[in-house]
Amino acid sequence: MRDFELYRLLAWSSPGYPTGAFSYSHGLEWAVESGAVRGADDLLAYVTAVVTRGGGWVDSVFFAQAWRAARSPARLDELALTAVAFRGGAETALESRQQGIAFLAVTRKAWPHPILESFATRHSGQPIAHSVAVAVACAAHAIELEPALHAYLHAFAANLVSAATRLIPLGQTQAQIVVARLSPVITDTGMRATQTDLEDLGTSAPDLELCSMLHETQYSRLFRS
C-alpha cells in the first residue's frame, strides 16, 4: 500500500473522523444497564458477537460487495438499497444511516472523487449505509479491499470498546486488552466476509437485537443506540 493510500485509510478510520460514531453503542448501553455486560470478559464476548454474527458481520459482507461493485453503478445501487434495509431495529438502522450520510458528506469535500460524486448524486436524499459509503470511498481511491475492511472493522469494534469504557466503567488498560484480544476476531471476520456471497448472508444474534430494541425505551440514556 502506498503512503498516500495508507494516510487516507487511517484518516477515515480515525475516531476523530466526523461521523458521530461516539454517539452510538449498538445496544451496549442496555446490556450494561441490565447487567449482561459487567467487565472486560463480558465486553469481549459482546463485541465478538456483534462482529462475527451481528451488525458488524452484515457490514463486513456489504463492504466487500460494495467495494467490488464501486465501478458498476447498477450493481452498487442495488447493494446500497439492500444494505440500508439490513438492520433488525430502528436504532441500529439510524446508527448506520447517520454515519453513512456523514461519512459521504465529509469525504466528498475533503477527498473528492468522481465515483463518490456520482454515487452521492444518484442517492441524493436517500439513506446510505455506513459500510457501503466507506467501501465506495476506498475503492474509488484504490485502497485494497483487505486492509480497508480490516480498518473498518477495527474502527467499528474500537468504538464499542470506547463506549463501554464510559458505561461499565472500564479502565483504559482493560479496554486496550479487549482491543488486543479482538485482533484475531477482526482478521478472521474480514477474511470470511470477502469470501461470502450476498445470498449466503445472515445473522444469528437475537440477544443483540433485543438489547438494541430495549434501548429504544431505556430511561436516561447516553447513546443513541
Protein backbone atom coordinates (compact mmCIF):
# COMPACT_ATOMS: atom_id res chain seq x y z
CA MET A 1 0.00 0.00 0.00
CA ARG A 2 1.33 3.41 -0.96
CA ASP A 3 1.83 6.07 1.69
CA PHE A 4 -0.97 8.35 0.49
CA GLU A 5 -3.43 5.43 0.41
CA LEU A 6 -2.46 4.42 3.94
CA TYR A 7 -2.88 8.03 5.06
CA ARG A 8 -6.43 8.16 3.72
CA LEU A 9 -7.35 4.85 5.29
CA LEU A 10 -6.01 5.94 8.67
CA ALA A 11 -7.87 9.24 8.42
CA TRP A 12 -11.19 7.61 7.50
CA SER A 13 -10.97 5.01 10.30
CA SER A 14 -9.86 7.52 12.92
CA PRO A 15 -12.23 8.17 15.86
CA GLY A 16 -11.78 11.85 15.00
CA TYR A 17 -13.40 11.49 11.58
CA PRO A 18 -16.70 13.37 11.93
CA THR A 19 -19.29 10.61 11.52
CA GLY A 20 -20.77 10.88 15.01
CA ALA A 21 -19.75 7.32 15.90
CA PHE A 22 -19.22 8.36 19.53
CA SER A 23 -23.00 8.83 19.83
CA TYR A 24 -23.82 5.14 19.36
CA SER A 25 -23.33 1.97 21.42
CA HIS A 26 -25.09 -0.64 19.25
CA GLY A 27 -27.28 -1.79 22.15
CA LEU A 28 -24.35 -1.99 24.56
CA GLU A 29 -25.84 0.65 26.84
CA TRP A 30 -28.81 -1.60 27.58
CA ALA A 31 -26.53 -4.62 28.03
CA VAL A 32 -24.62 -2.72 30.72
CA GLU A 33 -27.82 -1.42 32.33
CA SER A 34 -29.30 -4.93 32.50
CA GLY A 35 -26.12 -6.42 33.98
CA ALA A 36 -25.31 -8.61 30.98
CA VAL A 37 -22.02 -6.77 30.43
CA ARG A 38 -20.14 -6.08 33.65
CA GLY A 39 -16.46 -6.26 32.80
CA ALA A 40 -13.79 -6.91 30.18
CA ASP A 41 -14.68 -10.55 29.52
CA ASP A 42 -18.36 -9.75 29.04
CA LEU A 43 -17.43 -6.87 26.76
CA LEU A 44 -15.17 -9.08 24.67
CA ALA A 45 -18.00 -11.58 24.23
CA TYR A 46 -20.48 -8.82 23.30
CA VAL A 47 -18.25 -7.17 20.70
CA THR A 48 -17.23 -10.55 19.30
CA ALA A 49 -20.91 -11.40 18.81
CA VAL A 50 -21.56 -8.09 17.06
CA VAL A 51 -18.58 -8.54 14.74
CA THR A 52 -18.94 -12.23 13.93
CA ARG A 53 -22.69 -12.72 13.68
CA GLY A 54 -24.43 -9.36 14.19
CA GLY A 55 -24.31 -5.93 12.61
CA GLY A 56 -20.56 -5.99 12.17
CA TRP A 57 -20.78 -9.19 10.15
CA VAL A 58 -23.52 -7.74 7.95
CA ASP A 59 -21.45 -4.61 7.38
CA SER A 60 -18.39 -6.69 6.50
CA VAL A 61 -20.12 -8.59 3.73
CA PHE A 62 -21.78 -5.50 2.29
CA PHE A 63 -18.44 -3.67 2.49
CA ALA A 64 -16.72 -6.35 0.39
CA GLN A 65 -19.58 -6.48 -2.11
CA ALA A 66 -19.80 -2.68 -2.46
CA TRP A 67 -16.02 -2.33 -2.85
CA ARG A 68 -16.11 -4.76 -5.77
CA ALA A 69 -19.15 -3.07 -7.33
CA ALA A 70 -17.94 0.53 -6.96
CA ARG A 71 -17.39 0.92 -10.70
CA SER A 72 -20.66 -0.83 -11.64
CA PRO A 73 -23.37 1.74 -10.81
CA ALA A 74 -26.41 -0.52 -11.27
CA ARG A 75 -24.99 -3.29 -9.09
CA LEU A 76 -23.73 -0.80 -6.49
CA ASP A 77 -27.11 0.92 -6.24
CA GLU A 78 -28.86 -2.40 -5.70
CA LEU A 79 -26.39 -3.29 -2.94
CA ALA A 80 -26.76 0.12 -1.33
CA LEU A 81 -30.54 -0.21 -1.09
CA THR A 82 -30.29 -3.71 0.38
CA ALA A 83 -27.65 -2.67 2.92
CA VAL A 84 -29.86 0.14 4.23
CA ALA A 85 -32.67 -2.33 4.90
CA PHE A 86 -30.48 -4.99 6.52
CA ARG A 87 -30.92 -3.95 10.16
CA GLY A 88 -33.06 -5.58 12.84
CA GLY A 89 -34.04 -2.50 14.81
CA ALA A 90 -34.70 1.20 14.39
CA GLU A 91 -31.70 2.41 16.37
CA THR A 92 -29.05 0.29 14.67
CA ALA A 93 -30.57 1.38 11.35
CA LEU A 94 -30.24 5.00 12.44
CA GLU A 95 -26.66 4.35 13.53
CA SER A 96 -25.64 3.00 10.13
CA ARG A 97 -27.53 5.59 8.09
CA GLN A 98 -26.45 8.66 10.03
CA GLN A 99 -22.80 7.63 9.91
CA GLY A 100 -23.07 6.76 6.23
CA ILE A 101 -24.51 10.15 5.30
CA ALA A 102 -21.95 11.97 7.47
CA PHE A 103 -19.03 9.98 6.06
CA LEU A 104 -20.06 10.59 2.48
CA ALA A 105 -20.63 14.31 3.01
CA VAL A 106 -17.26 14.90 4.67
CA THR A 107 -15.29 12.67 2.30
CA ARG A 108 -16.73 14.33 -0.80
CA LYS A 109 -15.36 17.66 0.44
CA ALA A 110 -12.02 16.54 1.87
CA TRP A 111 -11.21 13.66 -0.52
CA PRO A 112 -13.32 14.21 -3.68
CA HIS A 113 -13.55 11.64 -6.46
CA PRO A 114 -15.88 11.29 -9.48
CA ILE A 115 -17.12 7.89 -8.31
CA LEU A 116 -18.12 9.35 -4.95
CA GLU A 117 -19.84 12.28 -6.63
CA SER A 118 -21.77 10.03 -8.96
CA PHE A 119 -22.82 7.74 -6.12
CA ALA A 120 -23.92 10.68 -3.95
CA THR A 121 -25.89 12.23 -6.81
CA ARG A 122 -27.75 9.00 -7.53
CA HIS A 123 -28.64 8.60 -3.84
CA SER A 124 -29.36 12.24 -3.04
CA GLY A 125 -31.90 12.45 -0.22
CA GLN A 126 -31.77 8.71 0.44
CA PRO A 127 -30.29 6.86 3.42
CA ILE A 128 -26.87 5.28 2.90
CA ALA A 129 -25.33 2.51 4.98
CA HIS A 130 -22.02 3.45 6.56
CA SER A 131 -20.27 0.30 5.36
CA VAL A 132 -21.24 0.99 1.76
CA ALA A 133 -20.14 4.63 1.89
CA VAL A 134 -16.71 3.72 3.26
CA ALA A 135 -16.29 0.85 0.81
CA VAL A 136 -17.07 3.07 -2.19
CA ALA A 137 -14.59 5.69 -1.00
CA CYS A 138 -11.87 3.08 -0.52
CA ALA A 139 -12.48 1.51 -3.92
CA ALA A 140 -12.58 4.91 -5.63
CA HIS A 141 -9.24 5.87 -4.11
CA ALA A 142 -7.65 2.48 -4.95
CA ILE A 143 -7.29 1.26 -1.37
CA GLU A 144 -7.13 -2.53 -1.38
CA LEU A 145 -10.12 -4.43 -0.05
CA GLU A 146 -8.46 -6.46 2.71
CA PRO A 147 -6.76 -3.62 4.61
CA ALA A 148 -9.75 -1.34 4.01
CA LEU A 149 -12.17 -3.84 5.52
CA HIS A 150 -9.80 -4.60 8.39
CA ALA A 151 -9.59 -0.90 9.24
CA TYR A 152 -13.37 -0.52 9.04
CA LEU A 153 -13.95 -3.44 11.41
CA HIS A 154 -11.30 -2.23 13.82
CA ALA A 155 -12.93 1.21 13.97
CA PHE A 156 -16.36 -0.40 14.46
CA ALA A 157 -15.16 -2.59 17.34
CA ALA A 158 -12.99 0.12 18.92
CA ASN A 159 -15.99 2.44 19.09
CA LEU A 160 -17.92 -0.15 21.11
CA VAL A 161 -14.97 -0.60 23.46
CA SER A 162 -14.78 3.17 23.86
CA ALA A 163 -18.48 3.29 24.73
CA ALA A 164 -18.02 0.52 27.28
CA THR A 165 -15.10 2.35 28.85
CA ARG A 166 -17.58 5.05 29.86
CA LEU A 167 -20.58 2.83 30.55
CA ILE A 168 -19.24 -0.01 32.73
CA PRO A 169 -16.95 1.92 33.55
CA LEU A 170 -13.83 0.15 32.30
CA GLY A 171 -10.25 1.26 32.86
CA GLN A 172 -8.20 2.24 29.84
CA THR A 173 -5.75 -0.64 30.29
CA GLN A 174 -8.56 -3.19 30.42
CA ALA A 175 -10.13 -1.56 27.38
CA GLN A 176 -6.92 -1.93 25.39
CA ILE A 177 -6.60 -5.56 26.48
CA VAL A 178 -10.05 -6.14 24.95
CA VAL A 179 -8.97 -4.37 21.75
CA ALA A 180 -5.88 -6.59 21.58
CA ARG A 181 -7.92 -9.75 22.11
CA LEU A 182 -10.26 -8.71 19.30
CA SER A 183 -7.44 -8.76 16.74
CA PRO A 184 -7.88 -12.38 15.56
CA VAL A 185 -11.67 -11.94 15.58
CA ILE A 186 -11.45 -8.97 13.23
CA THR A 187 -8.90 -10.66 10.97
CA ASP A 188 -10.97 -13.84 10.65
CA THR A 189 -14.23 -11.94 10.10
CA GLY A 190 -12.69 -9.82 7.36
CA MET A 191 -11.34 -12.88 5.56
CA ARG A 192 -14.69 -14.70 5.75
CA ALA A 193 -16.57 -11.63 4.55
CA THR A 194 -14.50 -11.34 1.38
CA GLN A 195 -15.38 -14.96 0.57
CA THR A 196 -19.13 -14.77 1.36
CA ASP A 197 -21.78 -14.29 -1.31
CA LEU A 198 -24.61 -11.90 -0.55
CA GLU A 199 -27.09 -14.76 -1.00
CA ASP A 200 -25.45 -16.54 1.95
CA LEU A 201 -25.56 -13.54 4.28
CA GLY A 202 -27.49 -13.90 7.51
CA THR A 203 -27.26 -13.14 11.21
CA SER A 204 -27.79 -15.13 14.39
CA ALA A 205 -27.69 -12.67 17.27
CA PRO A 206 -31.18 -12.30 18.79
CA ASP A 207 -29.83 -11.09 22.15
CA LEU A 208 -28.04 -8.23 20.42
CA GLU A 209 -31.20 -7.24 18.57
CA LEU A 210 -33.17 -7.32 21.82
CA CYS A 211 -30.57 -5.09 23.51
CA SER A 212 -30.95 -2.60 20.71
CA MET A 213 -34.75 -2.67 20.80
CA LEU A 214 -34.93 -2.38 24.58
CA HIS A 215 -32.55 0.56 24.43
CA GLU A 216 -35.20 2.47 22.48
CA THR A 217 -37.26 2.85 25.66
CA GLN A 218 -34.42 2.84 28.19
CA TYR A 219 -34.71 5.56 30.81
CA SER A 220 -31.80 8.07 30.96
CA ARG A 221 -29.55 7.25 28.00
CA LEU A 222 -26.10 8.47 26.99
CA PHE A 223 -26.12 6.96 23.48
CA ARG A 224 -28.48 6.94 20.52
CA SER A 225 -28.35 3.17 20.03
